[in-house]
Amino acid sequence: MFATGVTIVTARTADGQVVGLTANSFNSVSLDPPLVLWSLSRAAGSLPAFSTGSHYAINVLAADQKALAERFALRGADRFQGVSFDEGIGGAPLLHGSAATFECFNRSRYEEGDHVIFVGEVERCSWRPGAPPLLFHGGRYFTEHPL
């Protein structure tokens, strides 16, 4: 019963491969220093890449990026095929069209239950003024509608 925003968390491995996945487990932790968190299943194939890398990017998706959210949620898909991005800190992909991006130093990790909680220190952020967010609630995607 809790609506969330939708993100795609991205990174570049030590051997240069790009990895990314859809996540709605994103939250602010602290303003000073600027910290955010997100969580990843221990069963995720990308866990080693995110656990050992120095940086990752959290791309907050805009309302028109539903198809991208669905693609990055699929297993075994070539998630980056045809996807436009710039290279951020540590090589993490910054997806074109995102409502906002947070470029994070991989500060700490906490194993809790069947997930790992990642805490990132925000080193740089950007946003697209006026971009409406993509929302997720009850297993479905929504776009913003003013009250």
C-alpha atoms as a PDB file:
ATOM      1  CA  MET A   1       0.000   0.000   0.000  1.00  0.00           C
ATOM      2  CA  PHE A   2       3.031   2.280  -0.332  1.00  0.00           C
ATOM      3  CA  ALA A   3       3.676   4.005  -3.663  1.00  0.00           C
ATOM      4  CA  THR A   4       7.318   4.450  -4.642  1.00  0.00           C
ATOM      5  CA  GLY A   5       9.357   6.008  -7.364  1.00  0.00           C
ATOM      6  CA  VAL A   6      11.178   3.760  -9.817  1.00  0.00           C
ATOM      7  CA  THR A   7      14.936   3.729 -10.336  1.00  0.00           C
ATOM      8  CA  ILE A   8      17.494   1.901 -12.406  1.00  0.00           C
ATOM      9  CA  VAL A   9      20.747   1.389 -10.520  1.00  0.00           C
ATOM     10  CA  THR A  10      23.772   1.126 -12.822  1.00  0.00           C
ATOM     11  CA  ALA A  11      27.497   0.481 -12.529  1.00  0.00           C
ATOM     12  CA  ARG A  12      30.532  -0.551 -14.537  1.00  0.00           C
ATOM     13  CA  THR A  13      32.500  -3.639 -13.516  1.00  0.00           C
ATOM     14  CA  ALA A  14      36.292  -3.739 -13.203  1.00  0.00           C
ATOM     15  CA  ASP A  15      36.467  -5.411 -16.635  1.00  0.00           C
ATOM     16  CA  GLY A  16      34.359  -2.664 -18.248  1.00  0.00           C
ATOM     17  CA  GLN A  17      30.953  -4.335 -18.475  1.00  0.00           C
ATOM     18  CA  VAL A  18      27.884  -2.252 -17.659  1.00  0.00           C
ATOM     19  CA  VAL A  19      25.291  -3.643 -15.253  1.00  0.00           C
ATOM     20  CA  GLY A  20      21.926  -2.318 -14.210  1.00  0.00           C
ATOM     21  CA  LEU A  21      18.615  -3.271 -12.665  1.00  0.00           C
ATOM     22  CA  THR A  22      15.245  -1.805 -11.816  1.00  0.00           C
ATOM     23  CA  ALA A  23      14.786  -1.021  -8.129  1.00  0.00           C
ATOM     24  CA  ASN A  24      12.095   0.760  -6.162  1.00  0.00           C
ATOM     25  CA  SER A  25      13.856   0.258  -2.821  1.00  0.00           C
ATOM     26  CA  PHE A  26      15.460   3.714  -2.838  1.00  0.00           C
ATOM     27  CA  ASN A  27      15.489   6.176   0.033  1.00  0.00           C
ATOM     28  CA  SER A  28      17.251   9.233   1.409  1.00  0.00           C
ATOM     29  CA  VAL A  29      19.347   8.578   4.537  1.00  0.00           C
ATOM     30  CA  SER A  30      21.166  11.825   5.370  1.00  0.00           C
ATOM     31  CA  LEU A  31      21.656  15.349   4.079  1.00  0.00           C
ATOM     32  CA  ASP A  32      25.028  15.903   5.769  1.00  0.00           C
ATOM     33  CA  PRO A  33      26.802  13.974   4.435  1.00  0.00           C
ATOM     34  CA  PRO A  34      24.449  13.300   1.509  1.00  0.00           C
ATOM     35  CA  LEU A  35      23.599   9.585   1.752  1.00  0.00           C
ATOM     36  CA  VAL A  36      21.024   7.403  -0.006  1.00  0.00           C
ATOM     37  CA  LEU A  37      20.205   3.711   0.213  1.00  0.00           C
ATOM     38  CA  TRP A  38      18.822   0.958  -1.971  1.00  0.00           C
ATOM     39  CA  SER A  39      18.611  -2.798  -1.558  1.00  0.00           C
ATOM     40  CA  LEU A  40      19.377  -5.798  -3.746  1.00  0.00           C
ATOM     41  CA  SER A  41      18.454  -9.454  -3.389  1.00  0.00           C
ATOM     42  CA  ARG A  42      21.300 -11.730  -2.348  1.00  0.00           C
ATOM     43  CA  ALA A  43      20.222 -13.987  -5.240  1.00  0.00           C
ATOM     44  CA  ALA A  44      20.790 -11.261  -7.870  1.00  0.00           C
ATOM     45  CA  GLY A  45      23.403 -12.120 -10.477  1.00  0.00           C
ATOM     46  CA  SER A  46      24.688  -8.539 -10.369  1.00  0.00           C
ATOM     47  CA  LEU A  47      25.391  -8.617  -6.617  1.00  0.00           C
ATOM     48  CA  PRO A  48      29.170  -9.188  -7.038  1.00  0.00           C
ATOM     49  CA  ALA A  49      29.440  -6.231  -9.435  1.00  0.00           C
ATOM     50  CA  PHE A  50      27.662  -3.853  -7.047  1.00  0.00           C
ATOM     51  CA  SER A  51      29.411  -5.221  -3.949  1.00  0.00           C
ATOM     52  CA  THR A  52      32.942  -4.765  -5.291  1.00  0.00           C
ATOM     53  CA  GLY A  53      32.601  -1.632  -7.402  1.00  0.00           C
ATOM     54  CA  SER A  54      33.600   1.794  -6.135  1.00  0.00           C
ATOM     55  CA  HIS A  55      30.660   3.716  -7.652  1.00  0.00           C
ATOM     56  CA  TYR A  56      27.139   3.309  -8.952  1.00  0.00           C
ATOM     57  CA  ALA A  57      24.435   5.605 -10.274  1.00  0.00           C
ATOM     58  CA  ILE A  58      20.813   5.737  -9.251  1.00  0.00           C
ATOM     59  CA  ASN A  59      18.723   6.871 -12.214  1.00  0.00           C
ATOM     60  CA  VAL A  60      15.282   8.077 -11.088  1.00  0.00           C
ATOM     61  CA  LEU A  61      12.943   7.300 -13.966  1.00  0.00           C
ATOM     62  CA  ALA A  62      10.597   9.750 -15.624  1.00  0.00           C
ATOM     63  CA  ALA A  63       6.979   8.921 -16.464  1.00  0.00           C
ATOM     64  CA  ASP A  64       7.825   8.109 -20.091  1.00  0.00           C
ATOM     65  CA  GLN A  65      10.430   5.466 -19.137  1.00  0.00           C
ATOM     66  CA  LYS A  66       8.082   2.598 -18.198  1.00  0.00           C
ATOM     67  CA  ALA A  67       9.434   0.373 -20.991  1.00  0.00           C
ATOM     68  CA  LEU A  68      12.976   0.932 -19.709  1.00  0.00           C
ATOM     69  CA  ALA A  69      11.915  -0.037 -16.171  1.00  0.00           C
ATOM     70  CA  GLU A  70      10.369  -3.247 -17.506  1.00  0.00           C
ATOM     71  CA  ARG A  71      13.441  -4.086 -19.608  1.00  0.00           C
ATOM     72  CA  PHE A  72      15.861  -3.664 -16.695  1.00  0.00           C
ATOM     73  CA  ALA A  73      13.614  -5.897 -14.543  1.00  0.00           C
ATOM     74  CA  LEU A  74      13.921  -8.853 -16.961  1.00  0.00           C
ATOM     75  CA  ARG A  75      16.359 -11.690 -16.342  1.00  0.00           C
ATOM     76  CA  GLY A  76      18.747 -12.640 -19.134  1.00  0.00           C
ATOM     77  CA  ALA A  77      17.942  -9.648 -21.340  1.00  0.00           C
ATOM     78  CA  ASP A  78      20.575  -7.427 -22.943  1.00  0.00           C
ATOM     79  CA  ARG A  79      19.378  -4.505 -20.875  1.00  0.00           C
ATOM     80  CA  PHE A  80      21.646  -1.851 -22.407  1.00  0.00           C
ATOM     81  CA  GLN A  81      21.064  -2.663 -26.095  1.00  0.00           C
ATOM     82  CA  GLY A  82      20.034   0.576 -27.778  1.00  0.00           C
ATOM     83  CA  VAL A  83      19.949   2.510 -24.498  1.00  0.00           C
ATOM     84  CA  SER A  84      21.552   5.952 -24.580  1.00  0.00           C
ATOM     85  CA  PHE A  85      23.664   6.960 -21.616  1.00  0.00           C
ATOM     86  CA  ASP A  86      26.601   9.088 -20.553  1.00  0.00           C
ATOM     87  CA  GLU A  87      29.442   7.853 -18.395  1.00  0.00           C
ATOM     88  CA  GLY A  88      29.355   9.062 -14.812  1.00  0.00           C
ATOM     89  CA  ILE A  89      31.793   8.771 -11.929  1.00  0.00           C
ATOM     90  CA  GLY A  90      33.503   5.383 -11.946  1.00  0.00           C
ATOM     91  CA  GLY A  91      32.000   4.680 -15.371  1.00  0.00           C
ATOM     92  CA  ALA A  92      28.461   4.197 -14.052  1.00  0.00           C
ATOM     93  CA  PRO A  93      25.891   4.734 -16.839  1.00  0.00           C
ATOM     94  CA  LEU A  94      23.731   7.851 -16.523  1.00  0.00           C
ATOM     95  CA  LEU A  95      20.596   7.032 -18.509  1.00  0.00           C
ATOM     96  CA  HIS A  96      19.337   9.694 -20.909  1.00  0.00           C
ATOM     97  CA  GLY A  97      15.880  11.004 -20.095  1.00  0.00           C
ATOM     98  CA  SER A  98      15.952  10.238 -16.377  1.00  0.00           C
ATOM     99  CA  ALA A  99      14.134  12.624 -14.060  1.00  0.00           C
ATOM    100  CA  ALA A 100      17.221  12.683 -11.803  1.00  0.00           C
ATOM    101  CA  THR A 101      20.530  10.902 -11.296  1.00  0.00           C
ATOM    102  CA  PHE A 102      22.561  10.355  -8.153  1.00  0.00           C
ATOM    103  CA  GLU A 103      26.220   9.396  -8.675  1.00  0.00           C
ATOM    104  CA  CYS A 104      27.322   7.568  -5.553  1.00  0.00           C
ATOM    105  CA  PHE A 105      30.454   6.286  -3.886  1.00  0.00           C
ATOM    106  CA  ASN A 106      29.754   2.739  -2.675  1.00  0.00           C
ATOM    107  CA  ARG A 107      30.169   3.682   1.004  1.00  0.00           C
ATOM    108  CA  SER A 108      28.809   0.668   2.909  1.00  0.00           C
ATOM    109  CA  ARG A 109      26.755  -2.508   2.705  1.00  0.00           C
ATOM    110  CA  TYR A 110      24.604  -4.305   5.264  1.00  0.00           C
ATOM    111  CA  GLU A 111      23.388  -7.878   4.869  1.00  0.00           C
ATOM    112  CA  GLU A 112      19.856  -8.104   6.234  1.00  0.00           C
ATOM    113  CA  GLY A 113      17.543 -11.036   5.582  1.00  0.00           C
ATOM    114  CA  ASP A 114      17.593 -12.029   1.921  1.00  0.00           C
ATOM    115  CA  HIS A 115      18.833  -8.607   0.744  1.00  0.00           C
ATOM    116  CA  VAL A 116      21.908  -6.409   0.922  1.00  0.00           C
ATOM    117  CA  ILE A 117      21.328  -2.757   1.784  1.00  0.00           C
ATOM    118  CA  PHE A 118      23.713  -0.431  -0.070  1.00  0.00           C
ATOM    119  CA  VAL A 119      24.432   3.019   1.346  1.00  0.00           C
ATOM    120  CA  GLY A 120      25.877   5.431  -1.189  1.00  0.00           C
ATOM    121  CA  GLU A 121      27.497   8.783  -0.612  1.00  0.00           C
ATOM    122  CA  VAL A 122      26.184  11.160  -3.260  1.00  0.00           C
ATOM    123  CA  GLU A 123      29.115  12.801  -5.039  1.00  0.00           C
ATOM    124  CA  ARG A 124      27.119  14.447  -7.815  1.00  0.00           C
ATOM    125  CA  CYS A 125      23.467  14.733  -8.763  1.00  0.00           C
ATOM    126  CA  SER A 126      21.465  16.233 -11.574  1.00  0.00           C
ATOM    127  CA  TRP A 127      17.800  16.531 -12.485  1.00  0.00           C
ATOM    128  CA  ARG A 128      15.577  17.381 -15.407  1.00  0.00           C
ATOM    129  CA  PRO A 129      13.316  20.281 -14.384  1.00  0.00           C
ATOM    130  CA  GLY A 130       9.639  19.517 -14.841  1.00  0.00           C
ATOM    131  CA  ALA A 131      10.118  15.805 -15.562  1.00  0.00           C
ATOM    132  CA  PRO A 132       7.147  13.902 -14.112  1.00  0.00           C
ATOM    133  CA  PRO A 133       8.117  10.748 -12.179  1.00  0.00           C
ATOM    134  CA  LEU A 134       7.345   7.119 -12.908  1.00  0.00           C
ATOM    135  CA  LEU A 135       5.566   5.600  -9.901  1.00  0.00           C
ATOM    136  CA  PHE A 136       4.977   2.007  -8.758  1.00  0.00           C
ATOM    137  CA  HIS A 137       2.132   0.770  -6.582  1.00  0.00           C
ATOM    138  CA  GLY A 138       0.366  -2.566  -6.178  1.00  0.00           C
ATOM    139  CA  GLY A 139       2.417  -4.242  -8.909  1.00  0.00           C
ATOM    140  CA  ARG A 140       1.589  -1.569 -11.506  1.00  0.00           C
ATOM    141  CA  TYR A 141       3.244   1.535 -12.930  1.00  0.00           C
ATOM    142  CA  PHE A 142       1.600   4.955 -12.690  1.00  0.00           C
ATOM    143  CA  THR A 143       2.369   8.489 -13.729  1.00  0.00           C
ATOM    144  CA  GLU A 144       1.881  11.589 -11.646  1.00  0.00           C
ATOM    145  CA  HIS A 145      -1.510  13.294 -11.582  1.00  0.00           C
ATOM    146  CA  PRO A 146      -1.785  16.556  -9.657  1.00  0.00           C
ATOM    147  CA  LEU A 147      -4.367  16.603  -6.861  1.00  0.00           C
END
